[in-house]
C-alpha atoms as a PDB file:
ATOM      1  CA  UNK A   1      53.703  25.071 -23.172  1.00  0.00           C
ATOM      2  CA  UNK A   2      54.419  21.370 -22.743  1.00  0.00           C
ATOM      3  CA  UNK A   3      56.883  22.151 -19.942  1.00  0.00           C
ATOM      4  CA  UNK A   4      54.301  24.307 -18.183  1.00  0.00           C
ATOM      5  CA  UNK A   5      51.690  21.520 -18.453  1.00  0.00           C
ATOM      6  CA  UNK A   6      54.103  19.024 -16.888  1.00  0.00           C
ATOM      7  CA  UNK A   7      54.776  21.361 -13.974  1.00  0.00           C
ATOM      8  CA  UNK A   8      51.032  21.809 -13.379  1.00  0.00           C
ATOM      9  CA  UNK A   9      50.535  18.053 -13.491  1.00  0.00           C
ATOM     10  CA  UNK A  10      53.267  17.546 -10.870  1.00  0.00           C
ATOM     11  CA  UNK A  11      51.728  20.216  -8.633  1.00  0.00           C
ATOM     12  CA  UNK A  12      48.291  18.601  -8.838  1.00  0.00           C
ATOM     13  CA  UNK A  13      49.685  15.152  -8.102  1.00  0.00           C
ATOM     14  CA  UNK A  14      51.601  16.475  -5.090  1.00  0.00           C
ATOM     15  CA  UNK A  15      48.451  18.184  -3.784  1.00  0.00           C
ATOM     16  CA  UNK A  16      46.478  14.938  -4.061  1.00  0.00           C
ATOM     17  CA  UNK A  17      49.196  13.003  -2.183  1.00  0.00           C
ATOM     18  CA  UNK A  18      49.171  15.539   0.644  1.00  0.00           C
ATOM     19  CA  UNK A  19      45.378  15.405   0.815  1.00  0.00           C
ATOM     20  CA  UNK A  20      45.368  11.595   1.027  1.00  0.00           C
ATOM     21  CA  UNK A  21      48.003  11.694   3.745  1.00  0.00           C
ATOM     22  CA  UNK A  22      45.861  14.090   5.752  1.00  0.00           C
ATOM     23  CA  UNK A  23      42.779  11.839   5.393  1.00  0.00           C
ATOM     24  CA  UNK A  24      44.764   8.855   6.603  1.00  0.00           C
ATOM     25  CA  UNK A  25      45.818  10.642   9.762  1.00  0.00           C
ATOM     26  CA  UNK A  26      44.437  10.001  13.221  1.00  0.00           C
ATOM     27  CA  UNK A  27      40.818  11.176  13.628  1.00  0.00           C
ATOM     28  CA  UNK A  28      40.267  14.013  16.088  1.00  0.00           C
ATOM     29  CA  UNK A  29      39.280  12.765  19.497  1.00  0.00           C
ATOM     30  CA  UNK A  30      35.695  13.219  20.662  1.00  0.00           C
ATOM     31  CA  UNK A  31      34.794  13.807  24.304  1.00  0.00           C
ATOM     32  CA  UNK A  32      34.187  10.508  26.056  1.00  0.00           C
ATOM     33  CA  UNK A  33      30.548   9.929  26.968  1.00  0.00           C
ATOM     34  CA  UNK A  34      29.734   9.347  30.593  1.00  0.00           C
ATOM     35  CA  UNK A  35      28.592   5.778  31.336  1.00  0.00           C
ATOM     36  CA  UNK A  36      25.436   7.429  32.667  1.00  0.00           C
ATOM     37  CA  UNK A  37      24.584   9.068  29.342  1.00  0.00           C
ATOM     38  CA  UNK A  38      21.237   7.589  28.187  1.00  0.00           C
ATOM     39  CA  UNK A  39      22.280   7.852  24.526  1.00  0.00           C
ATOM     40  CA  UNK A  40      24.557   4.847  25.087  1.00  0.00           C
ATOM     41  CA  UNK A  41      21.514   2.658  25.566  1.00  0.00           C
ATOM     42  CA  UNK A  42      20.891   0.207  22.721  1.00  0.00           C
ATOM     43  CA  UNK A  43      18.541   1.318  19.971  1.00  0.00           C
ATOM     44  CA  UNK A  44      15.373  -0.524  19.026  1.00  0.00           C
ATOM     45  CA  UNK A  45      12.737  -0.284  16.335  1.00  0.00           C
ATOM     46  CA  UNK A  46      13.296   2.731  14.128  1.00  0.00           C
ATOM     47  CA  UNK A  47      16.436   3.857  15.882  1.00  0.00           C
ATOM     48  CA  UNK A  48      14.614   4.954  19.021  1.00  0.00           C
ATOM     49  CA  UNK A  49      16.674   4.773  22.184  1.00  0.00           C
ATOM     50  CA  UNK A  50      15.702   1.912  24.480  1.00  0.00           C
ATOM     51  CA  UNK A  51      15.345   3.179  28.048  1.00  0.00           C
ATOM     52  CA  UNK A  52      13.944  -0.061  29.455  1.00  0.00           C
ATOM     53  CA  UNK A  53      17.122  -0.722  31.455  1.00  0.00           C
ATOM     54  CA  UNK A  54      17.933   2.914  32.213  1.00  0.00           C
ATOM     55  CA  UNK A  55      17.942   4.234  35.757  1.00  0.00           C
ATOM     56  CA  UNK A  56      15.552   6.920  36.955  1.00  0.00           C
ATOM     57  CA  UNK A  57      18.393   9.466  36.958  1.00  0.00           C
ATOM     58  CA  UNK A  58      19.271   8.590  33.355  1.00  0.00           C
ATOM     59  CA  UNK A  59      15.639   8.963  32.301  1.00  0.00           C
ATOM     60  CA  UNK A  60      15.330  12.320  34.078  1.00  0.00           C
ATOM     61  CA  UNK A  61      18.482  13.546  32.329  1.00  0.00           C
ATOM     62  CA  UNK A  62      17.008  12.618  28.943  1.00  0.00           C
ATOM     63  CA  UNK A  63      13.477  13.946  29.502  1.00  0.00           C
ATOM     64  CA  UNK A  64      12.029  16.456  27.084  1.00  0.00           C
ATOM     65  CA  UNK A  65       8.553  17.931  27.511  1.00  0.00           C
ATOM     66  CA  UNK A  66       6.366  20.475  25.720  1.00  0.00           C
ATOM     67  CA  UNK A  67       7.227  23.055  28.369  1.00  0.00           C
ATOM     68  CA  UNK A  68      10.591  22.590  30.022  1.00  0.00           C
ATOM     69  CA  UNK A  69      10.193  21.437  33.615  1.00  0.00           C
ATOM     70  CA  UNK A  70       6.466  20.719  33.247  1.00  0.00           C
ATOM     71  CA  UNK A  71       4.380  17.650  32.512  1.00  0.00           C
ATOM     72  CA  UNK A  72       1.419  18.828  30.437  1.00  0.00           C
ATOM     73  CA  UNK A  73      -1.562  16.497  30.652  1.00  0.00           C
ATOM     74  CA  UNK A  74      -4.818  16.552  28.701  1.00  0.00           C
ATOM     75  CA  UNK A  75      -7.908  15.091  30.347  1.00  0.00           C
ATOM     76  CA  UNK A  76     -11.687  15.009  29.939  1.00  0.00           C
ATOM     77  CA  UNK A  77     -13.234  15.738  33.367  1.00  0.00           C
ATOM     78  CA  UNK A  78     -16.588  14.074  32.737  1.00  0.00           C
ATOM     79  CA  UNK A  79     -15.476  10.578  33.654  1.00  0.00           C
ATOM     80  CA  UNK A  80     -15.840  10.044  37.394  1.00  0.00           C
ATOM     81  CA  UNK A  81     -14.095   8.524  39.262  1.00  0.00           C
ATOM     82  CA  UNK A  82     -11.255   8.845  36.736  1.00  0.00           C
ATOM     83  CA  UNK A  83     -11.453  12.639  36.433  1.00  0.00           C
ATOM     84  CA  UNK A  84     -14.115  15.117  37.489  1.00  0.00           C
ATOM     85  CA  UNK A  85     -14.605  18.300  39.489  1.00  0.00           C
ATOM     86  CA  UNK A  86     -15.175  17.842  43.209  1.00  0.00           C
ATOM     87  CA  UNK A  87     -17.160  20.670  44.795  1.00  0.00           C
ATOM     88  CA  UNK A  88     -16.059  21.736  48.271  1.00  0.00           C
ATOM     89  CA  UNK A  89     -18.260  23.132  51.053  1.00  0.00           C
ATOM     90  CA  UNK A  90     -17.836  26.660  49.651  1.00  0.00           C
ATOM     91  CA  UNK A  91     -18.951  25.584  46.189  1.00  0.00           C
ATOM     92  CA  UNK A  92     -15.485  25.781  44.670  1.00  0.00           C
ATOM     93  CA  UNK A  93     -14.626  23.138  42.042  1.00  0.00           C
ATOM     94  CA  UNK A  94     -11.273  21.377  41.882  1.00  0.00           C
ATOM     95  CA  UNK A  95     -10.073  18.639  39.574  1.00  0.00           C
ATOM     96  CA  UNK A  96     -10.169  15.241  41.234  1.00  0.00           C
ATOM     97  CA  UNK A  97     -10.159  11.567  40.347  1.00  0.00           C
ATOM     98  CA  UNK A  98      -7.655   8.754  40.386  1.00  0.00           C
ATOM     99  CA  UNK A  99      -6.224   9.737  36.963  1.00  0.00           C
ATOM    100  CA  UNK A 100      -5.579  13.224  38.333  1.00  0.00           C
ATOM    101  CA  UNK A 101      -3.912  11.875  41.467  1.00  0.00           C
ATOM    102  CA  UNK A 102      -1.873   9.418  39.423  1.00  0.00           C
ATOM    103  CA  UNK A 103      -0.753  12.162  37.033  1.00  0.00           C
ATOM    104  CA  UNK A 104       0.484  14.183  40.019  1.00  0.00           C
ATOM    105  CA  UNK A 105       2.357  11.118  41.270  1.00  0.00           C
ATOM    106  CA  UNK A 106       4.001  10.664  37.849  1.00  0.00           C
ATOM    107  CA  UNK A 107       5.019  14.326  37.692  1.00  0.00           C
ATOM    108  CA  UNK A 108       6.474  14.255  41.215  1.00  0.00           C
ATOM    109  CA  UNK A 109       8.277  10.999  40.471  1.00  0.00           C
ATOM    110  CA  UNK A 110       9.949  12.525  37.413  1.00  0.00           C
ATOM    111  CA  UNK A 111      10.695  15.837  39.111  1.00  0.00           C
ATOM    112  CA  UNK A 112       8.266  17.821  36.962  1.00  0.00           C
ATOM    113  CA  UNK A 113       5.497  20.316  37.646  1.00  0.00           C
ATOM    114  CA  UNK A 114       2.085  19.047  36.579  1.00  0.00           C
ATOM    115  CA  UNK A 115      -0.100  21.203  34.336  1.00  0.00           C
ATOM    116  CA  UNK A 116      -3.571  19.859  33.510  1.00  0.00           C
ATOM    117  CA  UNK A 117      -5.543  21.060  30.496  1.00  0.00           C
ATOM    118  CA  UNK A 118      -9.217  19.975  30.508  1.00  0.00           C
ATOM    119  CA  UNK A 119     -10.675  19.214  27.076  1.00  0.00           C
ATOM    120  CA  UNK A 120     -13.146  16.942  25.321  1.00  0.00           C
ATOM    121  CA  UNK A 121     -12.103  13.303  25.090  1.00  0.00           C
ATOM    122  CA  UNK A 122     -11.439  13.254  21.340  1.00  0.00           C
ATOM    123  CA  UNK A 123      -9.417  16.456  21.738  1.00  0.00           C
ATOM    124  CA  UNK A 124      -6.809  14.528  23.728  1.00  0.00           C
ATOM    125  CA  UNK A 125      -5.903  12.439  20.685  1.00  0.00           C
ATOM    126  CA  UNK A 126      -5.664  15.532  18.494  1.00  0.00           C
ATOM    127  CA  UNK A 127      -3.519  17.447  20.988  1.00  0.00           C
ATOM    128  CA  UNK A 128      -1.136  14.511  21.385  1.00  0.00           C
ATOM    129  CA  UNK A 129      -0.799  14.245  17.607  1.00  0.00           C
ATOM    130  CA  UNK A 130      -0.147  17.982  17.357  1.00  0.00           C
ATOM    131  CA  UNK A 131       2.533  17.793  20.058  1.00  0.00           C
ATOM    132  CA  UNK A 132       0.725  20.252  22.313  1.00  0.00           C
ATOM    133  CA  UNK A 133       0.556  17.981  25.373  1.00  0.00           C
ATOM    134  CA  UNK A 134       2.929  15.417  26.835  1.00  0.00           C
ATOM    135  CA  UNK A 135       0.402  12.864  28.062  1.00  0.00           C
ATOM    136  CA  UNK A 136      -3.291  12.155  27.997  1.00  0.00           C
ATOM    137  CA  UNK A 137      -5.220  10.471  30.800  1.00  0.00           C
ATOM    138  CA  UNK A 138      -8.959   9.923  30.603  1.00  0.00           C
ATOM    139  CA  UNK A 139      -9.672   6.231  30.945  1.00  0.00           C
ATOM    140  CA  UNK A 140      -7.830   5.671  27.646  1.00  0.00           C
ATOM    141  CA  UNK A 141      -7.815   2.134  26.278  1.00  0.00           C
ATOM    142  CA  UNK A 142      -4.995   1.030  23.939  1.00  0.00           C
ATOM    143  CA  UNK A 143      -7.063   0.740  20.758  1.00  0.00           C
ATOM    144  CA  UNK A 144      -4.760  -0.231  17.853  1.00  0.00           C
ATOM    145  CA  UNK A 145      -5.956   2.683  15.715  1.00  0.00           C
ATOM    146  CA  UNK A 146      -4.806   5.111  18.426  1.00  0.00           C
ATOM    147  CA  UNK A 147      -1.234   3.847  18.137  1.00  0.00           C
ATOM    148  CA  UNK A 148      -0.617   6.218  15.218  1.00  0.00           C
ATOM    149  CA  UNK A 149      -1.431   9.172  17.463  1.00  0.00           C
ATOM    150  CA  UNK A 150       0.268   8.199  20.719  1.00  0.00           C
ATOM    151  CA  UNK A 151       2.468   5.690  22.469  1.00  0.00           C
ATOM    152  CA  UNK A 152       0.809   3.536  25.127  1.00  0.00           C
ATOM    153  CA  UNK A 153       2.094   3.127  28.648  1.00  0.00           C
ATOM    154  CA  UNK A 154       1.695  -0.132  30.514  1.00  0.00           C
ATOM    155  CA  UNK A 155      -1.869  -0.876  31.609  1.00  0.00           C
ATOM    156  CA  UNK A 156      -2.451   0.647  35.039  1.00  0.00           C
ATOM    157  CA  UNK A 157      -6.144  -0.124  35.581  1.00  0.00           C
ATOM    158  CA  UNK A 158      -8.325  -2.988  34.381  1.00  0.00           C
ATOM    159  CA  UNK A 159     -11.675  -1.487  33.505  1.00  0.00           C
ATOM    160  CA  UNK A 160     -14.862  -3.268  32.455  1.00  0.00           C
ATOM    161  CA  UNK A 161     -17.609  -2.168  30.107  1.00  0.00           C
ATOM    162  CA  UNK A 162     -21.360  -2.210  30.678  1.00  0.00           C
ATOM    163  CA  UNK A 163     -24.727  -1.262  29.238  1.00  0.00           C
ATOM    164  CA  UNK A 164     -26.739   1.178  31.329  1.00  0.00           C
ATOM    165  CA  UNK A 165     -30.401   2.128  31.121  1.00  0.00           C
ATOM    166  CA  UNK A 166     -33.025   3.479  33.510  1.00  0.00           C
ATOM    167  CA  UNK A 167     -34.796   1.324  36.059  1.00  0.00           C
ATOM    168  CA  UNK A 168     -38.133   1.681  34.291  1.00  0.00           C
ATOM    169  CA  UNK A 169     -36.617  -0.095  31.277  1.00  0.00           C
ATOM    170  CA  UNK A 170     -34.591  -2.671  33.160  1.00  0.00           C
ATOM    171  CA  UNK A 171     -36.810  -5.561  32.037  1.00  0.00           C
ATOM    172  CA  UNK A 172     -36.208  -4.648  28.380  1.00  0.00           C
ATOM    173  CA  UNK A 173     -32.510  -5.451  28.589  1.00  0.00           C
ATOM    174  CA  UNK A 174     -31.757  -8.889  29.992  1.00  0.00           C
ATOM    175  CA  UNK A 175     -29.429 -10.382  27.367  1.00  0.00           C
ATOM    176  CA  UNK A 176     -26.868  -9.046  24.919  1.00  0.00           C
ATOM    177  CA  UNK A 177     -29.334  -9.735  22.092  1.00  0.00           C
ATOM    178  CA  UNK A 178     -31.758  -7.259  23.648  1.00  0.00           C
ATOM    179  CA  UNK A 179     -29.327  -4.458  22.838  1.00  0.00           C
ATOM    180  CA  UNK A 180     -29.638  -4.980  19.103  1.00  0.00           C
ATOM    181  CA  UNK A 181     -33.169  -4.056  18.112  1.00  0.00           C
ATOM    182  CA  UNK A 182     -34.427  -1.602  15.535  1.00  0.00           C
ATOM    183  CA  UNK A 183     -36.072   1.440  17.057  1.00  0.00           C
ATOM    184  CA  UNK A 184     -33.790   1.642  20.089  1.00  0.00           C
ATOM    185  CA  UNK A 185     -31.813   4.826  20.661  1.00  0.00           C
ATOM    186  CA  UNK A 186     -28.415   3.861  22.090  1.00  0.00           C
ATOM    187  CA  UNK A 187     -25.610   6.282  22.971  1.00  0.00           C
ATOM    188  CA  UNK A 188     -21.862   6.195  23.554  1.00  0.00           C
ATOM    189  CA  UNK A 189     -19.114   8.775  23.882  1.00  0.00           C
ATOM    190  CA  UNK A 190     -17.532  10.038  20.698  1.00  0.00           C
ATOM    191  CA  UNK A 191     -14.130   8.492  19.956  1.00  0.00           C
ATOM    192  CA  UNK A 192     -14.394   5.911  22.742  1.00  0.00           C
ATOM    193  CA  UNK A 193     -14.261   2.135  22.833  1.00  0.00           C
ATOM    194  CA  UNK A 194     -17.845   2.302  24.085  1.00  0.00           C
ATOM    195  CA  UNK A 195     -18.818   3.657  20.656  1.00  0.00           C
ATOM    196  CA  UNK A 196     -17.149   0.614  19.095  1.00  0.00           C
ATOM    197  CA  UNK A 197     -19.226  -1.580  21.382  1.00  0.00           C
ATOM    198  CA  UNK A 198     -22.416   0.241  20.439  1.00  0.00           C
ATOM    199  CA  UNK A 199     -21.714  -0.223  16.736  1.00  0.00           C
ATOM    200  CA  UNK A 200     -20.983  -3.906  17.298  1.00  0.00           C
ATOM    201  CA  UNK A 201     -23.728  -4.985  19.685  1.00  0.00           C
ATOM    202  CA  UNK A 202     -26.415  -2.468  18.690  1.00  0.00           C
ATOM    203  CA  UNK A 203     -25.896  -2.359  14.927  1.00  0.00           C
ATOM    204  CA  UNK A 204     -29.637  -2.464  14.199  1.00  0.00           C
ATOM    205  CA  UNK A 205     -30.412   0.303  16.693  1.00  0.00           C
ATOM    206  CA  UNK A 206     -30.008   4.037  16.254  1.00  0.00           C
ATOM    207  CA  UNK A 207     -26.511   4.654  17.653  1.00  0.00           C
ATOM    208  CA  UNK A 208     -25.984   8.210  18.913  1.00  0.00           C
ATOM    209  CA  UNK A 209     -22.474   9.589  19.436  1.00  0.00           C
ATOM    210  CA  UNK A 210     -22.217  12.332  22.058  1.00  0.00           C
ATOM    211  CA  UNK A 211     -19.167  14.346  23.123  1.00  0.00           C
ATOM    212  CA  UNK A 212     -19.540  14.015  26.915  1.00  0.00           C
ATOM    213  CA  UNK A 213     -20.656  11.239  29.229  1.00  0.00           C
ATOM    214  CA  UNK A 214     -22.611  13.883  31.129  1.00  0.00           C
ATOM    215  CA  UNK A 215     -24.685  14.527  27.999  1.00  0.00           C
ATOM    216  CA  UNK A 216     -25.337  10.811  27.652  1.00  0.00           C
ATOM    217  CA  UNK A 217     -26.550  10.449  31.231  1.00  0.00           C
ATOM    218  CA  UNK A 218     -28.682  13.604  31.008  1.00  0.00           C
ATOM    219  CA  UNK A 219     -30.442  12.399  27.850  1.00  0.00           C
ATOM    220  CA  UNK A 220     -30.828   8.913  29.286  1.00  0.00           C
ATOM    221  CA  UNK A 221     -32.528  10.006  32.501  1.00  0.00           C
ATOM    222  CA  UNK A 222     -34.716  12.480  30.557  1.00  0.00           C
ATOM    223  CA  UNK A 223     -36.060   9.641  28.427  1.00  0.00           C
ATOM    224  CA  UNK A 224     -34.449  10.682  25.142  1.00  0.00           C
ATOM    225  CA  UNK A 225     -32.327   7.519  25.062  1.00  0.00           C
ATOM    226  CA  UNK A 226     -33.080   3.876  25.751  1.00  0.00           C
ATOM    227  CA  UNK A 227     -29.609   2.998  26.939  1.00  0.00           C
ATOM    228  CA  UNK A 228     -25.894   3.648  26.655  1.00  0.00           C
ATOM    229  CA  UNK A 229     -22.524   1.944  26.715  1.00  0.00           C
ATOM    230  CA  UNK A 230     -20.362   3.242  29.579  1.00  0.00           C
ATOM    231  CA  UNK A 231     -17.336   1.960  31.470  1.00  0.00           C
ATOM    232  CA  UNK A 232     -18.599   0.062  34.500  1.00  0.00           C
ATOM    233  CA  UNK A 233     -16.855   2.014  37.254  1.00  0.00           C
ATOM    234  CA  UNK A 234     -18.020   5.263  35.622  1.00  0.00           C
ATOM    235  CA  UNK A 235     -21.609   4.039  35.309  1.00  0.00           C
ATOM    236  CA  UNK A 236     -21.611   2.976  38.969  1.00  0.00           C
ATOM    237  CA  UNK A 237     -20.339   6.403  39.959  1.00  0.00           C
ATOM    238  CA  UNK A 238     -23.116   8.151  38.022  1.00  0.00           C
ATOM    239  CA  UNK A 239     -25.712   5.771  39.484  1.00  0.00           C
ATOM    240  CA  UNK A 240     -24.886   7.075  42.967  1.00  0.00           C
ATOM    241  CA  UNK A 241     -26.006  10.540  41.903  1.00  0.00           C
ATOM    242  CA  UNK A 242     -28.802   9.392  39.597  1.00  0.00           C
ATOM    243  CA  UNK A 243     -30.780   6.679  41.432  1.00  0.00           C
ATOM    244  CA  UNK A 244     -32.947   6.059  38.372  1.00  0.00           C
ATOM    245  CA  UNK A 245     -29.935   4.655  36.458  1.00  0.00           C
ATOM    246  CA  UNK A 246     -29.611   0.891  36.144  1.00  0.00           C
ATOM    247  CA  UNK A 247     -26.502  -1.049  35.128  1.00  0.00           C
ATOM    248  CA  UNK A 248     -28.155  -3.732  33.031  1.00  0.00           C
ATOM    249  CA  UNK A 249     -25.237  -5.990  32.122  1.00  0.00           C
ATOM    250  CA  UNK A 250     -21.525  -6.317  31.553  1.00  0.00           C
ATOM    251  CA  UNK A 251     -20.489  -6.096  27.913  1.00  0.00           C
ATOM    252  CA  UNK A 252     -17.567  -8.226  26.692  1.00  0.00           C
ATOM    253  CA  UNK A 253     -14.608  -6.394  25.228  1.00  0.00           C
ATOM    254  CA  UNK A 254     -11.358  -8.283  24.857  1.00  0.00           C
ATOM    255  CA  UNK A 255      -9.437  -6.295  22.252  1.00  0.00           C
ATOM    256  CA  UNK A 256      -8.162  -3.483  24.464  1.00  0.00           C
ATOM    257  CA  UNK A 257      -9.084  -4.109  28.066  1.00  0.00           C
ATOM    258  CA  UNK A 258      -7.508  -1.859  30.627  1.00  0.00           C
ATOM    259  CA  UNK A 259      -6.431   1.765  30.706  1.00  0.00           C
ATOM    260  CA  UNK A 260      -3.154   3.357  29.741  1.00  0.00           C
ATOM    261  CA  UNK A 261      -1.460   6.730  29.702  1.00  0.00           C
ATOM    262  CA  UNK A 262      -1.254   8.150  26.192  1.00  0.00           C
ATOM    263  CA  UNK A 263       2.262   9.526  25.703  1.00  0.00           C
ATOM    264  CA  UNK A 264       3.336  11.877  22.920  1.00  0.00           C
ATOM    265  CA  UNK A 265       4.504   9.730  20.022  1.00  0.00           C
ATOM    266  CA  UNK A 266       8.233   9.018  19.937  1.00  0.00           C
ATOM    267  CA  UNK A 267       9.107  10.411  23.375  1.00  0.00           C
ATOM    268  CA  UNK A 268      10.878   7.259  24.522  1.00  0.00           C
ATOM    269  CA  UNK A 269      12.386   8.741  27.682  1.00  0.00           C
ATOM    270  CA  UNK A 270       9.032  10.052  28.896  1.00  0.00           C
ATOM    271  CA  UNK A 271       7.308   6.755  28.105  1.00  0.00           C
ATOM    272  CA  UNK A 272       9.922   4.874  30.129  1.00  0.00           C
ATOM    273  CA  UNK A 273       9.584   7.355  32.987  1.00  0.00           C
ATOM    274  CA  UNK A 274       5.789   7.057  33.006  1.00  0.00           C
ATOM    275  CA  UNK A 275       5.998   3.261  33.096  1.00  0.00           C
ATOM    276  CA  UNK A 276       8.510   3.407  35.930  1.00  0.00           C
ATOM    277  CA  UNK A 277       6.211   5.743  37.889  1.00  0.00           C
ATOM    278  CA  UNK A 278       3.160   3.529  37.261  1.00  0.00           C
ATOM    279  CA  UNK A 279       4.981   0.521  38.642  1.00  0.00           C
ATOM    280  CA  UNK A 280       6.118   2.491  41.678  1.00  0.00           C
ATOM    281  CA  UNK A 281       2.566   3.699  42.367  1.00  0.00           C
ATOM    282  CA  UNK A 282       1.264   0.141  42.195  1.00  0.00           C
ATOM    283  CA  UNK A 283       4.084  -1.312  44.306  1.00  0.00           C
ATOM    284  CA  UNK A 284       3.868   1.218  47.138  1.00  0.00           C
ATOM    285  CA  UNK A 285       0.064   1.071  47.316  1.00  0.00           C
ATOM    286  CA  UNK A 286      -0.474   4.666  46.194  1.00  0.00           C
ATOM    287  CA  UNK A 287      -2.667   3.829  43.226  1.00  0.00           C
ATOM    288  CA  UNK A 288      -5.044   1.715  45.314  1.00  0.00           C
ATOM    289  CA  UNK A 289      -5.438   4.703  47.647  1.00  0.00           C
ATOM    290  CA  UNK A 290      -6.089   7.011  44.681  1.00  0.00           C
ATOM    291  CA  UNK A 291      -8.935   4.774  43.495  1.00  0.00           C
ATOM    292  CA  UNK A 292     -10.443   4.566  46.978  1.00  0.00           C
ATOM    293  CA  UNK A 293     -10.234   8.328  47.515  1.00  0.00           C
ATOM    294  CA  UNK A 294     -11.673   9.101  44.065  1.00  0.00           C
ATOM    295  CA  UNK A 295     -14.638   6.807  44.616  1.00  0.00           C
ATOM    296  CA  UNK A 296     -15.326   8.494  47.958  1.00  0.00           C
ATOM    297  CA  UNK A 297     -15.110  11.988  46.431  1.00  0.00           C
ATOM    298  CA  UNK A 298     -17.366  10.989  43.549  1.00  0.00           C
ATOM    299  CA  UNK A 299     -20.134  10.208  46.034  1.00  0.00           C
ATOM    300  CA  UNK A 300     -20.174  13.821  47.185  1.00  0.00           C
ATOM    301  CA  UNK A 301     -21.075  16.920  45.205  1.00  0.00           C
ATOM    302  CA  UNK A 302     -19.413  16.869  41.809  1.00  0.00           C
ATOM    303  CA  UNK A 303     -19.446  18.599  38.465  1.00  0.00           C
ATOM    304  CA  UNK A 304     -18.811  16.514  35.378  1.00  0.00           C
ATOM    305  CA  UNK A 305     -17.703  18.379  32.269  1.00  0.00           C
ATOM    306  CA  UNK A 306     -15.744  21.456  31.279  1.00  0.00           C
ATOM    307  CA  UNK A 307     -16.051  24.420  33.632  1.00  0.00           C
ATOM    308  CA  UNK A 308     -16.734  26.823  30.777  1.00  0.00           C
ATOM    309  CA  UNK A 309     -19.868  24.806  30.019  1.00  0.00           C
ATOM    310  CA  UNK A 310     -20.987  25.207  33.619  1.00  0.00           C
ATOM    311  CA  UNK A 311     -20.322  28.940  33.632  1.00  0.00           C
ATOM    312  CA  UNK A 312     -22.144  29.358  30.338  1.00  0.00           C
END
């Protein structure tokens, strides 16, 4: 029995020696990565790949989207001249606006097909969080609380905020203090920075949150509201179609000035590609043309809101 135990011990020891020798051998070779492989880029933050120095070809090679080969964008088409429906001479609506034109530019730049999904403004945040869309564009400002739902592109448009009323009430709103009186009914779009402004500057008033800017304007001109907080360029666009509207004053907002593209959280390659496209559109003059064309279209016949609401 003792002899058998010794033999087993020797066998086990020999097995361990052979195993150690194998582990100390040369590791199997791995295929060499191409110098163009984006994964070689340095990592930042939580291990995310940094594409800030990558070429356009490297970014394209690394792109992933909700639907392969497509750039899926969520937008709220009640925000002229950003996004709205332009009505042609035959009465047919088509999505227009400088966000829409810019989204097409971004898609073309990245070699993708653009697919636009109209939805309510607050739905864009939810769809980005759920991973159902790649980007959101609807006059989005980079509010810090939105950073948990999306990544922000570079600012591509510097917007301003204003308070709008009707001309019959113009004399009631001369200073910022006039906006904060009990008994006033003041509106802003749900989920927007304008709602933040309403809660700040009209805290003593009755602040009403509505889903669409079109609803706000309709209730304002019908006399149901005393005023509303709206982005300036949007308010000016509505005023061309509603002569009774009056832009009373500019409202200060320093925390998140400007508009960005909301990009699905964590998609570093797409974020880098969007930023590269935004810079290209600014440098070659395309974006300035988009703004000019959108403002011109917004002066014609338009529909602001979701088409299913119109058909209903």
